[in-house]
Amino acid sequence: MEEPMSCWIRISEINGTMITSKLAEVDLIDISKGGCKIRTVLDLHAASNAIKGVLRLKLTEEEHDFNAKICWQRQIEPPYYHYGLSLQLEAEEKEKINADLRTLAGNKKIKVI
């Protein structure tokens, strides 16, 4: 992303136990069709817990909810924590992200590497 983009995450499972949480606003730092990096002040203790959630993104006009698993957590720039998420996508969802990323690249809102 050229600049972080607001998105939301809702935690749905911790250590195999289903939970209901509210949406929390986070910053989307980087995204690909397989995963993304987000930033937030929330410390989710992902190093000692298996956490799954739902990431709500609005890359272009349409808003999407994607299942995700937190793979890592680092405190790179206090007070923010950075998280690496693996997106658990169906083929149709991967195509939606690819189409949105092509649109953003065409509008020079993301840098393709």
PDB file of N, CA and C in Angstrom:
ATOM      1  N   MET A   1       0.849  -1.169   0.000  1.00  0.00           N
ATOM      2  CA  MET A   1       0.000   0.000   0.000  1.00  0.00           C
ATOM      3  C   MET A   1       0.895   1.231   0.000  1.00  0.00           C
ATOM      4  N   GLU A   2       0.532   2.228  -0.778  1.00  0.00           N
ATOM      5  CA  GLU A   2       1.263   3.493  -0.749  1.00  0.00           C
ATOM      6  C   GLU A   2       1.067   4.163   0.616  1.00  0.00           C
ATOM      7  N   GLU A   3      -0.157   4.092   1.141  1.00  0.00           N
ATOM      8  CA  GLU A   3      -0.472   4.583   2.480  1.00  0.00           C
ATOM      9  C   GLU A   3      -1.343   3.533   3.143  1.00  0.00           C
ATOM     10  N   PRO A   4      -1.209   3.357   4.485  1.00  0.00           N
ATOM     11  CA  PRO A   4      -2.078   2.385   5.160  1.00  0.00           C
ATOM     12  C   PRO A   4      -3.553   2.701   4.917  1.00  0.00           C
ATOM     13  N   MET A   5      -4.338   1.653   4.804  1.00  0.00           N
ATOM     14  CA  MET A   5      -5.764   1.772   4.539  1.00  0.00           C
ATOM     15  C   MET A   5      -6.527   1.207   5.733  1.00  0.00           C
ATOM     16  N   SER A   6      -7.570   1.875   6.147  1.00  0.00           N
ATOM     17  CA  SER A   6      -8.376   1.365   7.259  1.00  0.00           C
ATOM     18  C   SER A   6      -9.137   0.117   6.835  1.00  0.00           C
ATOM     19  N   CYS A   7      -9.172  -0.849   7.727  1.00  0.00           N
ATOM     20  CA  CYS A   7     -10.001  -2.037   7.560  1.00  0.00           C
ATOM     21  C   CYS A   7     -10.398  -2.485   8.963  1.00  0.00           C
ATOM     22  N   TRP A   8     -11.040  -3.620   9.099  1.00  0.00           N
ATOM     23  CA  TRP A   8     -11.541  -4.061  10.383  1.00  0.00           C
ATOM     24  C   TRP A   8     -11.267  -5.540  10.555  1.00  0.00           C
ATOM     25  N   ILE A   9     -11.098  -5.944  11.815  1.00  0.00           N
ATOM     26  CA  ILE A   9     -10.928  -7.366  12.119  1.00  0.00           C
ATOM     27  C   ILE A   9     -11.851  -7.722  13.277  1.00  0.00           C
ATOM     28  N   ARG A  10     -12.381  -8.924  13.191  1.00  0.00           N
ATOM     29  CA  ARG A  10     -13.201  -9.485  14.269  1.00  0.00           C
ATOM     30  C   ARG A  10     -12.618 -10.838  14.601  1.00  0.00           C
ATOM     31  N   ILE A  11     -12.240 -11.049  15.846  1.00  0.00           N
ATOM     32  CA  ILE A  11     -11.683 -12.331  16.276  1.00  0.00           C
ATOM     33  C   ILE A  11     -12.836 -13.326  16.391  1.00  0.00           C
ATOM     34  N   SER A  12     -12.657 -14.512  15.794  1.00  0.00           N
ATOM     35  CA  SER A  12     -13.720 -15.520  15.802  1.00  0.00           C
ATOM     36  C   SER A  12     -13.341 -16.783  16.570  1.00  0.00           C
ATOM     37  N   GLU A  13     -12.023 -16.981  16.790  1.00  0.00           N
ATOM     38  CA  GLU A  13     -11.589 -18.215  17.452  1.00  0.00           C
ATOM     39  C   GLU A  13     -10.224 -17.997  18.114  1.00  0.00           C
ATOM     40  N   ILE A  14     -10.107 -18.460  19.350  1.00  0.00           N
ATOM     41  CA  ILE A  14      -8.827 -18.440  20.062  1.00  0.00           C
ATOM     42  C   ILE A  14      -8.583 -19.838  20.608  1.00  0.00           C
ATOM     43  N   ASN A  15      -7.465 -20.431  20.212  1.00  0.00           N
ATOM     44  CA  ASN A  15      -7.080 -21.774  20.663  1.00  0.00           C
ATOM     45  C   ASN A  15      -8.197 -22.798  20.484  1.00  0.00           C
ATOM     46  N   GLY A  16      -8.895 -22.716  19.354  1.00  0.00           N
ATOM     47  CA  GLY A  16      -9.936 -23.687  19.028  1.00  0.00           C
ATOM     48  C   GLY A  16     -11.294 -23.385  19.633  1.00  0.00           C
ATOM     49  N   THR A  17     -11.407 -22.345  20.447  1.00  0.00           N
ATOM     50  CA  THR A  17     -12.678 -21.974  21.066  1.00  0.00           C
ATOM     51  C   THR A  17     -13.295 -20.818  20.294  1.00  0.00           C
ATOM     52  N   MET A  18     -14.507 -21.028  19.812  1.00  0.00           N
ATOM     53  CA  MET A  18     -15.215 -19.988  19.079  1.00  0.00           C
ATOM     54  C   MET A  18     -15.591 -18.866  20.040  1.00  0.00           C
ATOM     55  N   ILE A  19     -15.404 -17.624  19.593  1.00  0.00           N
ATOM     56  CA  ILE A  19     -15.781 -16.469  20.398  1.00  0.00           C
ATOM     57  C   ILE A  19     -16.497 -15.463  19.511  1.00  0.00           C
ATOM     58  N   THR A  20     -17.147 -14.510  20.147  1.00  0.00           N
ATOM     59  CA  THR A  20     -17.795 -13.423  19.425  1.00  0.00           C
ATOM     60  C   THR A  20     -17.158 -12.137  19.901  1.00  0.00           C
ATOM     61  N   SER A  21     -16.525 -11.416  18.994  1.00  0.00           N
ATOM     62  CA  SER A  21     -15.928 -10.135  19.355  1.00  0.00           C
ATOM     63  C   SER A  21     -16.496  -9.043  18.458  1.00  0.00           C
ATOM     64  N   LYS A  22     -16.265  -7.810  18.867  1.00  0.00           N
ATOM     65  CA  LYS A  22     -16.686  -6.672  18.058  1.00  0.00           C
ATOM     66  C   LYS A  22     -15.643  -6.413  16.986  1.00  0.00           C
ATOM     67  N   LEU A  23     -16.034  -5.704  15.950  1.00  0.00           N
ATOM     68  CA  LEU A  23     -15.081  -5.279  14.928  1.00  0.00           C
ATOM     69  C   LEU A  23     -14.136  -4.245  15.521  1.00  0.00           C
ATOM     70  N   ALA A  24     -12.852  -4.399  15.219  1.00  0.00           N
ATOM     71  CA  ALA A  24     -11.843  -3.435  15.650  1.00  0.00           C
ATOM     72  C   ALA A  24     -11.196  -2.852  14.411  1.00  0.00           C
ATOM     73  N   GLU A  25     -11.061  -1.539  14.371  1.00  0.00           N
ATOM     74  CA  GLU A  25     -10.429  -0.899  13.221  1.00  0.00           C
ATOM     75  C   GLU A  25      -8.922  -1.098  13.299  1.00  0.00           C
ATOM     76  N   VAL A  26      -8.330  -1.481  12.168  1.00  0.00           N
ATOM     77  CA  VAL A  26      -6.884  -1.693  12.050  1.00  0.00           C
ATOM     78  C   VAL A  26      -6.411  -1.048  10.754  1.00  0.00           C
ATOM     79  N   ASP A  27      -5.094  -0.915  10.610  1.00  0.00           N
ATOM     80  CA  ASP A  27      -4.516  -0.375   9.381  1.00  0.00           C
ATOM     81  C   ASP A  27      -3.994  -1.513   8.521  1.00  0.00           C
ATOM     82  N   LEU A  28      -4.389  -1.535   7.261  1.00  0.00           N
ATOM     83  CA  LEU A  28      -3.869  -2.492   6.297  1.00  0.00           C
ATOM     84  C   LEU A  28      -2.578  -1.916   5.730  1.00  0.00           C
ATOM     85  N   ILE A  29      -1.465  -2.617   5.928  1.00  0.00           N
ATOM     86  CA  ILE A  29      -0.149  -2.154   5.509  1.00  0.00           C
ATOM     87  C   ILE A  29       0.252  -2.743   4.155  1.00  0.00           C
ATOM     88  N   ASP A  30      -0.070  -4.035   3.967  1.00  0.00           N
ATOM     89  CA  ASP A  30       0.369  -4.764   2.777  1.00  0.00           C
ATOM     90  C   ASP A  30      -0.640  -5.872   2.511  1.00  0.00           C
ATOM     91  N   ILE A  31      -0.840  -6.220   1.234  1.00  0.00           N
ATOM     92  CA  ILE A  31      -1.792  -7.289   0.914  1.00  0.00           C
ATOM     93  C   ILE A  31      -1.375  -8.000  -0.363  1.00  0.00           C
ATOM     94  N   SER A  32      -1.661  -9.291  -0.391  1.00  0.00           N
ATOM     95  CA  SER A  32      -1.537 -10.108  -1.592  1.00  0.00           C
ATOM     96  C   SER A  32      -2.739 -11.050  -1.582  1.00  0.00           C
ATOM     97  N   LYS A  33      -2.840 -11.902  -2.606  1.00  0.00           N
ATOM     98  CA  LYS A  33      -3.996 -12.804  -2.625  1.00  0.00           C
ATOM     99  C   LYS A  33      -3.892 -13.909  -1.585  1.00  0.00           C
ATOM    100  N   GLY A  34      -2.721 -14.058  -0.953  1.00  0.00           N
ATOM    101  CA  GLY A  34      -2.576 -15.101   0.055  1.00  0.00           C
ATOM    102  C   GLY A  34      -2.518 -14.611   1.486  1.00  0.00           C
ATOM    103  N   GLY A  35      -2.262 -13.318   1.667  1.00  0.00           N
ATOM    104  CA  GLY A  35      -2.149 -12.821   3.021  1.00  0.00           C
ATOM    105  C   GLY A  35      -2.016 -11.315   3.066  1.00  0.00           C
ATOM    106  N   CYS A  36      -1.855 -10.806   4.290  1.00  0.00           N
ATOM    107  CA  CYS A  36      -1.717  -9.366   4.446  1.00  0.00           C
ATOM    108  C   CYS A  36      -1.004  -9.059   5.759  1.00  0.00           C
ATOM    109  N   LYS A  37      -0.618  -7.803   5.889  1.00  0.00           N
ATOM    110  CA  LYS A  37      -0.024  -7.316   7.125  1.00  0.00           C
ATOM    111  C   LYS A  37      -0.889  -6.166   7.613  1.00  0.00           C
ATOM    112  N   ILE A  38      -1.234  -6.218   8.913  1.00  0.00           N
ATOM    113  CA  ILE A  38      -2.032  -5.162   9.520  1.00  0.00           C
ATOM    114  C   ILE A  38      -1.289  -4.581  10.705  1.00  0.00           C
ATOM    115  N   ARG A  39      -1.738  -3.388  11.137  1.00  0.00           N
ATOM    116  CA  ARG A  39      -1.147  -2.702  12.281  1.00  0.00           C
ATOM    117  C   ARG A  39      -2.269  -2.219  13.192  1.00  0.00           C
ATOM    118  N   THR A  40      -2.073  -2.385  14.513  1.00  0.00           N
ATOM    119  CA  THR A  40      -3.057  -1.940  15.494  1.00  0.00           C
ATOM    120  C   THR A  40      -2.368  -1.752  16.845  1.00  0.00           C
ATOM    121  N   VAL A  41      -3.007  -1.036  17.737  1.00  0.00           N
ATOM    122  CA  VAL A  41      -2.477  -0.891  19.093  1.00  0.00           C
ATOM    123  C   VAL A  41      -2.857  -2.088  19.968  1.00  0.00           C
ATOM    124  N   LEU A  42      -3.724  -2.961  19.471  1.00  0.00           N
ATOM    125  CA  LEU A  42      -4.175  -4.123  20.239  1.00  0.00           C
ATOM    126  C   LEU A  42      -3.083  -5.185  20.326  1.00  0.00           C
ATOM    127  N   ASP A  43      -2.809  -5.649  21.546  1.00  0.00           N
ATOM    128  CA  ASP A  43      -1.879  -6.756  21.758  1.00  0.00           C
ATOM    129  C   ASP A  43      -2.706  -8.025  21.899  1.00  0.00           C
ATOM    130  N   LEU A  44      -2.703  -8.843  20.859  1.00  0.00           N
ATOM    131  CA  LEU A  44      -3.528 -10.059  20.838  1.00  0.00           C
ATOM    132  C   LEU A  44      -2.797 -11.293  21.363  1.00  0.00           C
ATOM    133  N   HIS A  45      -1.542 -11.145  21.756  1.00  0.00           N
ATOM    134  CA  HIS A  45      -0.742 -12.264  22.278  1.00  0.00           C
ATOM    135  C   HIS A  45      -0.755 -13.446  21.298  1.00  0.00           C
ATOM    136  N   ALA A  46      -0.541 -13.138  20.027  1.00  0.00           N
ATOM    137  CA  ALA A  46      -0.605 -14.151  18.975  1.00  0.00           C
ATOM    138  C   ALA A  46       0.533 -15.157  19.065  1.00  0.00           C
ATOM    139  N   ALA A  47       1.636 -14.810  19.721  1.00  0.00           N
ATOM    140  CA  ALA A  47       2.756 -15.749  19.840  1.00  0.00           C
ATOM    141  C   ALA A  47       2.390 -16.937  20.719  1.00  0.00           C
ATOM    142  N   SER A  48       1.481 -16.732  21.671  1.00  0.00           N
ATOM    143  CA  SER A  48       1.123 -17.808  22.591  1.00  0.00           C
ATOM    144  C   SER A  48      -0.310 -18.315  22.401  1.00  0.00           C
ATOM    145  N   ASN A  49      -0.986 -17.858  21.335  1.00  0.00           N
ATOM    146  CA  ASN A  49      -2.354 -18.277  21.061  1.00  0.00           C
ATOM    147  C   ASN A  49      -2.562 -18.497  19.568  1.00  0.00           C
ATOM    148  N   ALA A  50      -3.389 -19.469  19.233  1.00  0.00           N
ATOM    149  CA  ALA A  50      -3.804 -19.686  17.841  1.00  0.00           C
ATOM    150  C   ALA A  50      -5.076 -18.872  17.634  1.00  0.00           C
ATOM    151  N   ILE A  51      -4.981 -17.842  16.775  1.00  0.00           N
ATOM    152  CA  ILE A  51      -6.089 -16.908  16.619  1.00  0.00           C
ATOM    153  C   ILE A  51      -6.572 -16.883  15.172  1.00  0.00           C
ATOM    154  N   LYS A  52      -7.892 -16.995  15.022  1.00  0.00           N
ATOM    155  CA  LYS A  52      -8.529 -16.859  13.713  1.00  0.00           C
ATOM    156  C   LYS A  52      -9.531 -15.715  13.788  1.00  0.00           C
ATOM    157  N   GLY A  53      -9.780 -15.116  12.640  1.00  0.00           N
ATOM    158  CA  GLY A  53     -10.717 -14.007  12.621  1.00  0.00           C
ATOM    159  C   GLY A  53     -11.277 -13.767  11.249  1.00  0.00           C
ATOM    160  N   VAL A  54     -12.002 -12.688  11.136  1.00  0.00           N
ATOM    161  CA  VAL A  54     -12.586 -12.268   9.877  1.00  0.00           C
ATOM    162  C   VAL A  54     -12.088 -10.855   9.607  1.00  0.00           C
ATOM    163  N   LEU A  55     -11.464 -10.678   8.452  1.00  0.00           N
ATOM    164  CA  LEU A  55     -10.944  -9.384   8.044  1.00  0.00           C
ATOM    165  C   LEU A  55     -11.944  -8.749   7.086  1.00  0.00           C
ATOM    166  N   ARG A  56     -12.395  -7.549   7.410  1.00  0.00           N
ATOM    167  CA  ARG A  56     -13.338  -6.828   6.549  1.00  0.00           C
ATOM    168  C   ARG A  56     -12.566  -5.754   5.796  1.00  0.00           C
ATOM    169  N   LEU A  57     -12.567  -5.881   4.464  1.00  0.00           N
ATOM    170  CA  LEU A  57     -11.815  -4.969   3.599  1.00  0.00           C
ATOM    171  C   LEU A  57     -12.737  -4.273   2.616  1.00  0.00           C
ATOM    172  N   LYS A  58     -12.403  -3.041   2.322  1.00  0.00           N
ATOM    173  CA  LYS A  58     -13.060  -2.321   1.232  1.00  0.00           C
ATOM    174  C   LYS A  58     -11.939  -1.732   0.395  1.00  0.00           C
ATOM    175  N   LEU A  59     -11.390  -2.564  -0.505  1.00  0.00           N
ATOM    176  CA  LEU A  59     -10.273  -2.133  -1.337  1.00  0.00           C
ATOM    177  C   LEU A  59     -10.730  -1.180  -2.427  1.00  0.00           C
ATOM    178  N   THR A  60     -11.885  -1.467  -3.012  1.00  0.00           N
ATOM    179  CA  THR A  60     -12.427  -0.587  -4.046  1.00  0.00           C
ATOM    180  C   THR A  60     -13.842  -0.197  -3.606  1.00  0.00           C
ATOM    181  N   GLU A  61     -14.831  -0.449  -4.421  1.00  0.00           N
ATOM    182  CA  GLU A  61     -16.205  -0.044  -4.086  1.00  0.00           C
ATOM    183  C   GLU A  61     -16.915  -1.036  -3.175  1.00  0.00           C
ATOM    184  N   GLU A  62     -16.579  -2.314  -3.317  1.00  0.00           N
ATOM    185  CA  GLU A  62     -17.294  -3.373  -2.611  1.00  0.00           C
ATOM    186  C   GLU A  62     -16.554  -3.799  -1.347  1.00  0.00           C
ATOM    187  N   GLU A  63     -17.313  -4.032  -0.271  1.00  0.00           N
ATOM    188  CA  GLU A  63     -16.732  -4.489   0.989  1.00  0.00           C
ATOM    189  C   GLU A  63     -16.775  -6.017   1.027  1.00  0.00           C
ATOM    190  N   HIS A  64     -15.688  -6.631   1.530  1.00  0.00           N
ATOM    191  CA  HIS A  64     -15.592  -8.092   1.590  1.00  0.00           C
ATOM    192  C   HIS A  64     -15.179  -8.528   2.988  1.00  0.00           C
ATOM    193  N   ASP A  65     -15.675  -9.680   3.412  1.00  0.00           N
ATOM    194  CA  ASP A  65     -15.223 -10.333   4.645  1.00  0.00           C
ATOM    195  C   ASP A  65     -14.441 -11.574   4.256  1.00  0.00           C
ATOM    196  N   PHE A  66     -13.210 -11.699   4.778  1.00  0.00           N
ATOM    197  CA  PHE A  66     -12.360 -12.836   4.476  1.00  0.00           C
ATOM    198  C   PHE A  66     -11.912 -13.515   5.765  1.00  0.00           C
ATOM    199  N   ASN A  67     -11.979 -14.838   5.795  1.00  0.00           N
ATOM    200  CA  ASN A  67     -11.464 -15.589   6.935  1.00  0.00           C
ATOM    201  C   ASN A  67      -9.943 -15.494   6.939  1.00  0.00           C
ATOM    202  N   ALA A  68      -9.376 -15.352   8.134  1.00  0.00           N
ATOM    203  CA  ALA A  68      -7.932 -15.168   8.248  1.00  0.00           C
ATOM    204  C   ALA A  68      -7.408 -15.856   9.504  1.00  0.00           C
ATOM    205  N   LYS A  69      -6.128 -16.182   9.454  1.00  0.00           N
ATOM    206  CA  LYS A  69      -5.437 -16.764  10.601  1.00  0.00           C
ATOM    207  C   LYS A  69      -4.215 -15.891  10.880  1.00  0.00           C
ATOM    208  N   ILE A  70      -4.023 -15.515  12.147  1.00  0.00           N
ATOM    209  CA  ILE A  70      -2.852 -14.716  12.496  1.00  0.00           C
ATOM    210  C   ILE A  70      -1.649 -15.646  12.571  1.00  0.00           C
ATOM    211  N   CYS A  71      -0.624 -15.338  11.777  1.00  0.00           N
ATOM    212  CA  CYS A  71       0.581 -16.173  11.703  1.00  0.00           C
ATOM    213  C   CYS A  71       1.705 -15.655  12.585  1.00  0.00           C
ATOM    214  N   TRP A  72       1.798 -14.339  12.740  1.00  0.00           N
ATOM    215  CA  TRP A  72       2.864 -13.768  13.557  1.00  0.00           C
ATOM    216  C   TRP A  72       2.460 -12.400  14.083  1.00  0.00           C
ATOM    217  N   GLN A  73       3.157 -11.977  15.136  1.00  0.00           N
ATOM    218  CA  GLN A  73       2.952 -10.674  15.758  1.00  0.00           C
ATOM    219  C   GLN A  73       4.305 -10.084  16.106  1.00  0.00           C
ATOM    220  N   ARG A  74       4.498  -8.790  15.822  1.00  0.00           N
ATOM    221  CA  ARG A  74       5.735  -8.084  16.189  1.00  0.00           C
ATOM    222  C   ARG A  74       5.392  -6.663  16.589  1.00  0.00           C
ATOM    223  N   GLN A  75       6.115  -6.143  17.567  1.00  0.00           N
ATOM    224  CA  GLN A  75       5.936  -4.737  17.929  1.00  0.00           C
ATOM    225  C   GLN A  75       7.082  -3.958  17.301  1.00  0.00           C
ATOM    226  N   ILE A  76       6.865  -3.511  16.064  1.00  0.00           N
ATOM    227  CA  ILE A  76       7.891  -2.845  15.272  1.00  0.00           C
ATOM    228  C   ILE A  76       7.979  -1.363  15.608  1.00  0.00           C
ATOM    229  N   GLU A  77       6.835  -0.740  15.783  1.00  0.00           N
ATOM    230  CA  GLU A  77       6.802   0.696  16.051  1.00  0.00           C
ATOM    231  C   GLU A  77       5.825   0.979  17.195  1.00  0.00           C
ATOM    232  N   PRO A  78       6.300   0.908  18.458  1.00  0.00           N
ATOM    233  CA  PRO A  78       5.406   1.130  19.607  1.00  0.00           C
ATOM    234  C   PRO A  78       4.629   2.442  19.447  1.00  0.00           C
ATOM    235  N   PRO A  79       3.355   2.484  19.789  1.00  0.00           N
ATOM    236  CA  PRO A  79       2.587   1.470  20.501  1.00  0.00           C
ATOM    237  C   PRO A  79       1.919   0.449  19.584  1.00  0.00           C
ATOM    238  N   TYR A  80       2.280   0.424  18.293  1.00  0.00           N
ATOM    239  CA  TYR A  80       1.610  -0.455  17.331  1.00  0.00           C
ATOM    240  C   TYR A  80       2.215  -1.851  17.302  1.00  0.00           C
ATOM    241  N   TYR A  81       1.329  -2.826  17.113  1.00  0.00           N
ATOM    242  CA  TYR A  81       1.728  -4.207  16.858  1.00  0.00           C
ATOM    243  C   TYR A  81       1.423  -4.487  15.392  1.00  0.00           C
ATOM    244  N   HIS A  82       2.329  -5.173  14.739  1.00  0.00           N
ATOM    245  CA  HIS A  82       2.125  -5.598  13.355  1.00  0.00           C
ATOM    246  C   HIS A  82       1.791  -7.091  13.379  1.00  0.00           C
ATOM    247  N   TYR A  83       0.844  -7.488  12.536  1.00  0.00           N
ATOM    248  CA  TYR A  83       0.407  -8.880  12.453  1.00  0.00           C
ATOM    249  C   TYR A  83       0.458  -9.348  11.008  1.00  0.00           C
ATOM    250  N   GLY A  84       0.934 -10.560  10.819  1.00  0.00           N
ATOM    251  CA  GLY A  84       0.877 -11.202   9.522  1.00  0.00           C
ATOM    252  C   GLY A  84      -0.302 -12.147   9.509  1.00  0.00           C
ATOM    253  N   LEU A  85      -1.190 -11.990   8.548  1.00  0.00           N
ATOM    254  CA  LEU A  85      -2.385 -12.815   8.439  1.00  0.00           C
ATOM    255  C   LEU A  85      -2.337 -13.652   7.177  1.00  0.00           C
ATOM    256  N   SER A  86      -2.692 -14.907   7.318  1.00  0.00           N
ATOM    257  CA  SER A  86      -2.884 -15.790   6.183  1.00  0.00           C
ATOM    258  C   SER A  86      -4.370 -15.762   5.858  1.00  0.00           C
ATOM    259  N   LEU A  87      -4.706 -15.375   4.632  1.00  0.00           N
ATOM    260  CA  LEU A  87      -6.112 -15.322   4.238  1.00  0.00           C
ATOM    261  C   LEU A  87      -6.554 -16.703   3.761  1.00  0.00           C
ATOM    262  N   GLN A  88      -7.638 -17.188   4.332  1.00  0.00           N
ATOM    263  CA  GLN A  88      -8.179 -18.505   4.013  1.00  0.00           C
ATOM    264  C   GLN A  88      -9.262 -18.313   2.953  1.00  0.00           C
ATOM    265  N   LEU A  89      -8.838 -18.256   1.679  1.00  0.00           N
ATOM    266  CA  LEU A  89      -9.734 -17.843   0.606  1.00  0.00           C
ATOM    267  C   LEU A  89     -10.163 -18.982  -0.308  1.00  0.00           C
ATOM    268  N   GLU A  90     -11.398 -18.883  -0.759  1.00  0.00           N
ATOM    269  CA  GLU A  90     -11.904 -19.748  -1.816  1.00  0.00           C
ATOM    270  C   GLU A  90     -11.418 -19.154  -3.143  1.00  0.00           C
ATOM    271  N   ALA A  91     -11.486 -19.928  -4.215  1.00  0.00           N
ATOM    272  CA  ALA A  91     -11.024 -19.463  -5.532  1.00  0.00           C
ATOM    273  C   ALA A  91     -11.732 -18.176  -5.953  1.00  0.00           C
ATOM    274  N   GLU A  92     -13.024 -18.081  -5.715  1.00  0.00           N
ATOM    275  CA  GLU A  92     -13.795 -16.891  -6.085  1.00  0.00           C
ATOM    276  C   GLU A  92     -13.312 -15.660  -5.302  1.00  0.00           C
ATOM    277  N   GLU A  93     -12.985 -15.849  -4.020  1.00  0.00           N
ATOM    278  CA  GLU A  93     -12.498 -14.743  -3.201  1.00  0.00           C
ATOM    279  C   GLU A  93     -11.115 -14.270  -3.663  1.00  0.00           C
ATOM    280  N   LYS A  94     -10.264 -15.223  -4.079  1.00  0.00           N
ATOM    281  CA  LYS A  94      -8.951 -14.852  -4.618  1.00  0.00           C
ATOM    282  C   LYS A  94      -9.099 -13.993  -5.867  1.00  0.00           C
ATOM    283  N   GLU A  95     -10.066 -14.336  -6.706  1.00  0.00           N
ATOM    284  CA  GLU A  95     -10.316 -13.551  -7.910  1.00  0.00           C
ATOM    285  C   GLU A  95     -10.804 -12.144  -7.574  1.00  0.00           C
ATOM    286  N   LYS A  96     -11.656 -12.031  -6.540  1.00  0.00           N
ATOM    287  CA  LYS A  96     -12.132 -10.712  -6.115  1.00  0.00           C
ATOM    288  C   LYS A  96     -10.954  -9.844  -5.680  1.00  0.00           C
ATOM    289  N   ILE A  97     -10.065 -10.417  -4.871  1.00  0.00           N
ATOM    290  CA  ILE A  97      -8.898  -9.652  -4.404  1.00  0.00           C
ATOM    291  C   ILE A  97      -8.009  -9.282  -5.587  1.00  0.00           C
ATOM    292  N   ASN A  98      -7.752 -10.233  -6.487  1.00  0.00           N
ATOM    293  CA  ASN A  98      -6.923  -9.940  -7.662  1.00  0.00           C
ATOM    294  C   ASN A  98      -7.503  -8.793  -8.475  1.00  0.00           C
ATOM    295  N   ALA A  99      -8.811  -8.808  -8.697  1.00  0.00           N
ATOM    296  CA  ALA A  99      -9.458  -7.745  -9.470  1.00  0.00           C
ATOM    297  C   ALA A  99      -9.323  -6.404  -8.756  1.00  0.00           C
ATOM    298  N   ASP A 100      -9.547  -6.396  -7.438  1.00  0.00           N
ATOM    299  CA  ASP A 100      -9.421  -5.160  -6.663  1.00  0.00           C
ATOM    300  C   ASP A 100      -7.979  -4.651  -6.680  1.00  0.00           C
ATOM    301  N   LEU A 101      -7.007  -5.561  -6.558  1.00  0.00           N
ATOM    302  CA  LEU A 101      -5.601  -5.151  -6.565  1.00  0.00           C
ATOM    303  C   LEU A 101      -5.201  -4.574  -7.924  1.00  0.00           C
ATOM    304  N   ARG A 102      -5.713  -5.144  -9.012  1.00  0.00           N
ATOM    305  CA  ARG A 102      -5.431  -4.596 -10.341  1.00  0.00           C
ATOM    306  C   ARG A 102      -6.002  -3.183 -10.472  1.00  0.00           C
ATOM    307  N   THR A 103      -7.202  -2.974  -9.940  1.00  0.00           N
ATOM    308  CA  THR A 103      -7.814  -1.646  -9.976  1.00  0.00           C
ATOM    309  C   THR A 103      -6.974  -0.653  -9.177  1.00  0.00           C
ATOM    310  N   LEU A 104      -6.552  -1.039  -7.968  1.00  0.00           N
ATOM    311  CA  LEU A 104      -5.736  -0.151  -7.136  1.00  0.00           C
ATOM    312  C   LEU A 104      -4.396   0.153  -7.797  1.00  0.00           C
ATOM    313  N   ALA A 105      -3.792  -0.852  -8.427  1.00  0.00           N
ATOM    314  CA  ALA A 105      -2.513  -0.641  -9.116  1.00  0.00           C
ATOM    315  C   ALA A 105      -2.704   0.329 -10.282  1.00  0.00           C
ATOM    316  N   GLY A 106      -3.796   0.193 -11.013  1.00  0.00           N
ATOM    317  CA  GLY A 106      -4.078   1.091 -12.122  1.00  0.00           C
ATOM    318  C   GLY A 106      -4.282   2.530 -11.661  1.00  0.00           C
ATOM    319  N   ASN A 107      -4.816   2.689 -10.437  1.00  0.00           N
ATOM    320  CA  ASN A 107      -5.036   4.021  -9.867  1.00  0.00           C
ATOM    321  C   ASN A 107      -3.834   4.509  -9.056  1.00  0.00           C
ATOM    322  N   LYS A 108      -2.743   3.725  -9.081  1.00  0.00           N
ATOM    323  CA  LYS A 108      -1.491   4.056  -8.384  1.00  0.00           C
ATOM    324  C   LYS A 108      -1.665   4.225  -6.876  1.00  0.00           C
ATOM    325  N   LYS A 109      -2.600   3.429  -6.287  1.00  0.00           N
ATOM    326  CA  LYS A 109      -2.813   3.447  -4.845  1.00  0.00           C
ATOM    327  C   LYS A 109      -1.996   2.372  -4.150  1.00  0.00           C
ATOM    328  N   ILE A 110      -1.483   1.419  -4.937  1.00  0.00           N
ATOM    329  CA  ILE A 110      -0.586   0.398  -4.395  1.00  0.00           C
ATOM    330  C   ILE A 110       0.623   0.284  -5.296  1.00  0.00           C
ATOM    331  N   LYS A 111       1.684  -0.237  -4.704  1.00  0.00           N
ATOM    332  CA  LYS A 111       2.905  -0.477  -5.450  1.00  0.00           C
ATOM    333  C   LYS A 111       3.015  -1.982  -5.665  1.00  0.00           C
ATOM    334  N   VAL A 112       3.122  -2.418  -6.892  1.00  0.00           N
ATOM    335  CA  VAL A 112       3.220  -3.839  -7.206  1.00  0.00           C
ATOM    336  C   VAL A 112       4.690  -4.221  -7.210  1.00  0.00           C
ATOM    337  N   ILE A 113       5.025  -5.250  -6.388  1.00  0.00           N
ATOM    338  CA  ILE A 113       6.403  -5.715  -6.342  1.00  0.00           C
ATOM    339  C   ILE A 113       6.464  -7.197  -6.579  1.00  0.00           C
TER     340      ILE A 113
END
